Amino acid sequence: MVKANVLAAIHKGVNVVVGSSGLTDDDYDQIHQAALEHKVGVIAAGNFAMTAVLLQRFACEAAKYLSHWEIIDYASDTKKDAPSGTARELAFRLAEVDGLKLRTRLKKQLARKKAGEQLSMEARFTRFVCRVT
């Protein structure tokens, strides 16, 4: 529903602010292309909470000096966007700091969840763990 609303606004020439964390990389690619075609601006943030924004900023600063890092995102089995958009966005930003690409790993994990694959007990409690060494 969010993607459809964003695209509808873009097609009408309206600038858009997206605050949903449930969009995929492919969704954002389509939104980006539509925004370019219709010459409108789009601001997308997975989380507008000040603490989340500060967490991301400070984590990226710290990542410059750390040899490795880990993200643990706890969520219930009923959470629709697990790993959370905030965790995915943080992983993406940290990967940019290290010059690594984690999108492929995230896509595979999301695909397994969508396919209904049974998660291990650890995966049920630790929805997203990412290590860079």
Protein backbone atom coordinates (compact mmCIF):
# COMPACT_ATOMS: atom_id res chain seq x y z
CA MET A 1 0.00 0.00 0.00
CA VAL A 2 2.82 2.44 0.86
CA LYS A 3 4.62 1.88 -2.43
CA ALA A 4 1.41 2.36 -4.42
CA ASN A 5 0.63 5.62 -2.58
CA VAL A 6 4.16 6.93 -3.07
CA LEU A 7 4.12 6.11 -6.79
CA ALA A 8 0.66 7.69 -7.19
CA ALA A 9 1.90 10.91 -5.59
CA ILE A 10 5.04 10.93 -7.74
CA HIS A 11 2.99 10.44 -10.92
CA LYS A 12 0.95 13.52 -9.92
CA GLY A 13 4.15 15.55 -9.49
CA VAL A 14 4.05 15.65 -5.69
CA ASN A 15 7.24 15.59 -3.61
CA VAL A 16 7.12 12.71 -1.10
CA VAL A 17 8.42 11.92 2.37
CA VAL A 18 8.47 8.17 3.09
CA GLY A 19 8.57 7.01 6.71
CA SER A 20 7.87 3.32 6.22
CA SER A 21 10.47 0.67 6.89
CA GLY A 22 8.56 -2.02 5.02
CA LEU A 23 9.78 -1.16 1.53
CA THR A 24 12.32 -3.35 -0.23
CA ASP A 25 15.40 -2.34 -2.20
CA ASP A 26 13.45 -3.06 -5.39
CA ASP A 27 10.63 -0.80 -4.19
CA TYR A 28 13.09 2.02 -3.57
CA ASP A 29 14.65 1.47 -7.00
CA GLN A 30 11.22 1.82 -8.64
CA ILE A 31 10.42 4.89 -6.55
CA HIS A 32 13.79 6.42 -7.47
CA GLN A 33 13.21 5.86 -11.20
CA ALA A 34 9.69 7.31 -11.02
CA ALA A 35 10.97 10.35 -9.11
CA LEU A 36 13.65 10.96 -11.75
CA GLU A 37 11.12 10.60 -14.58
CA HIS A 38 8.64 13.00 -12.97
CA LYS A 39 11.31 15.35 -11.58
CA VAL A 40 10.09 15.27 -7.98
CA GLY A 41 11.95 14.85 -4.72
CA VAL A 42 11.66 11.88 -2.39
CA ILE A 43 13.03 11.72 1.14
CA ALA A 44 12.97 8.24 2.65
CA ALA A 45 13.82 7.42 6.26
CA GLY A 46 13.17 4.07 7.88
CA ASN A 47 12.87 5.67 11.30
CA PHE A 48 12.26 9.29 12.29
CA ALA A 49 12.92 8.76 16.01
CA MET A 50 15.76 10.98 17.21
CA THR A 51 17.37 8.09 19.08
CA ALA A 52 17.42 5.93 15.94
CA VAL A 53 18.92 8.74 13.87
CA LEU A 54 21.59 9.35 16.50
CA LEU A 55 22.28 5.61 16.78
CA GLN A 56 22.94 5.41 13.06
CA ARG A 57 25.12 8.51 13.02
CA PHE A 58 27.22 7.48 16.03
CA ALA A 59 27.50 3.87 14.86
CA CYS A 60 28.85 5.04 11.51
CA GLU A 61 31.39 7.25 13.25
CA ALA A 62 32.47 4.39 15.52
CA ALA A 63 32.66 1.92 12.59
CA LYS A 64 35.55 3.94 11.17
CA TYR A 65 37.66 2.87 14.15
CA LEU A 66 36.38 -0.67 14.79
CA SER A 67 37.80 -3.82 13.26
CA HIS A 68 34.37 -5.49 13.33
CA TRP A 69 30.79 -4.76 14.32
CA GLU A 70 27.55 -6.61 14.87
CA ILE A 71 23.88 -5.67 14.66
CA ILE A 72 21.35 -7.67 16.65
CA ASP A 73 17.72 -6.86 15.95
CA TYR A 74 15.24 -8.56 18.29
CA ALA A 75 11.70 -8.95 17.00
CA SER A 76 8.74 -11.22 17.56
CA ASP A 77 7.80 -13.86 14.98
CA THR A 78 4.73 -11.80 14.09
CA LYS A 79 6.67 -8.69 13.08
CA LYS A 80 6.08 -8.19 9.37
CA ASP A 81 9.34 -6.50 8.53
CA ALA A 82 11.97 -8.61 10.24
CA PRO A 83 14.76 -7.69 10.15
CA SER A 84 13.45 -4.21 10.86
CA GLY A 85 13.89 -1.38 8.44
CA THR A 86 15.98 0.42 11.04
CA ALA A 87 18.39 -2.54 11.27
CA ARG A 88 18.55 -2.88 7.48
CA GLU A 89 19.23 0.82 7.07
CA LEU A 90 21.92 0.73 9.77
CA ALA A 91 23.58 -2.27 8.10
CA PHE A 92 23.52 -0.49 4.77
CA ARG A 93 25.09 2.65 6.25
CA LEU A 94 27.77 0.68 8.12
CA ALA A 95 28.54 -1.27 4.95
CA GLU A 96 29.10 2.02 3.15
CA VAL A 97 31.61 2.99 5.83
CA ASP A 98 33.53 -0.25 5.29
CA GLY A 99 33.01 -0.23 1.55
CA LEU A 100 31.18 -3.57 1.75
CA LYS A 101 27.88 -4.55 0.15
CA LEU A 102 25.46 -6.33 2.47
CA ARG A 103 22.32 -6.00 0.37
CA THR A 104 22.75 -9.47 -1.10
CA ARG A 105 22.88 -11.04 2.36
CA LEU A 106 19.82 -9.10 3.46
CA LYS A 107 17.88 -10.05 0.34
CA LYS A 108 18.66 -13.73 0.89
CA GLN A 109 17.55 -13.57 4.53
CA LEU A 110 14.32 -11.80 3.58
CA ALA A 111 13.68 -14.30 0.79
CA ARG A 112 14.04 -17.20 3.22
CA LYS A 113 11.56 -15.59 5.60
CA LYS A 114 9.07 -14.88 2.80
CA ALA A 115 9.40 -18.46 1.54
CA GLY A 116 8.21 -19.64 4.94
CA GLU A 117 11.45 -21.36 5.77
CA GLN A 118 11.54 -22.57 9.36
CA LEU A 119 13.86 -20.39 11.38
CA SER A 120 16.15 -21.83 14.00
CA MET A 121 15.48 -21.02 17.66
CA GLU A 122 18.35 -18.52 17.58
CA ALA A 123 16.98 -16.86 14.44
CA ARG A 124 13.58 -16.40 16.09
CA PHE A 125 15.12 -14.28 18.81
CA THR A 126 18.03 -12.79 16.90
CA ARG A 127 16.37 -11.75 13.67
CA PHE A 128 19.34 -10.04 12.14
CA VAL A 129 22.99 -10.48 12.92
CA CYS A 130 25.62 -8.99 10.69
CA ARG A 131 29.33 -9.28 11.31
CA VAL A 132 32.05 -7.52 9.40
CA THR A 133 35.60 -8.53 10.24
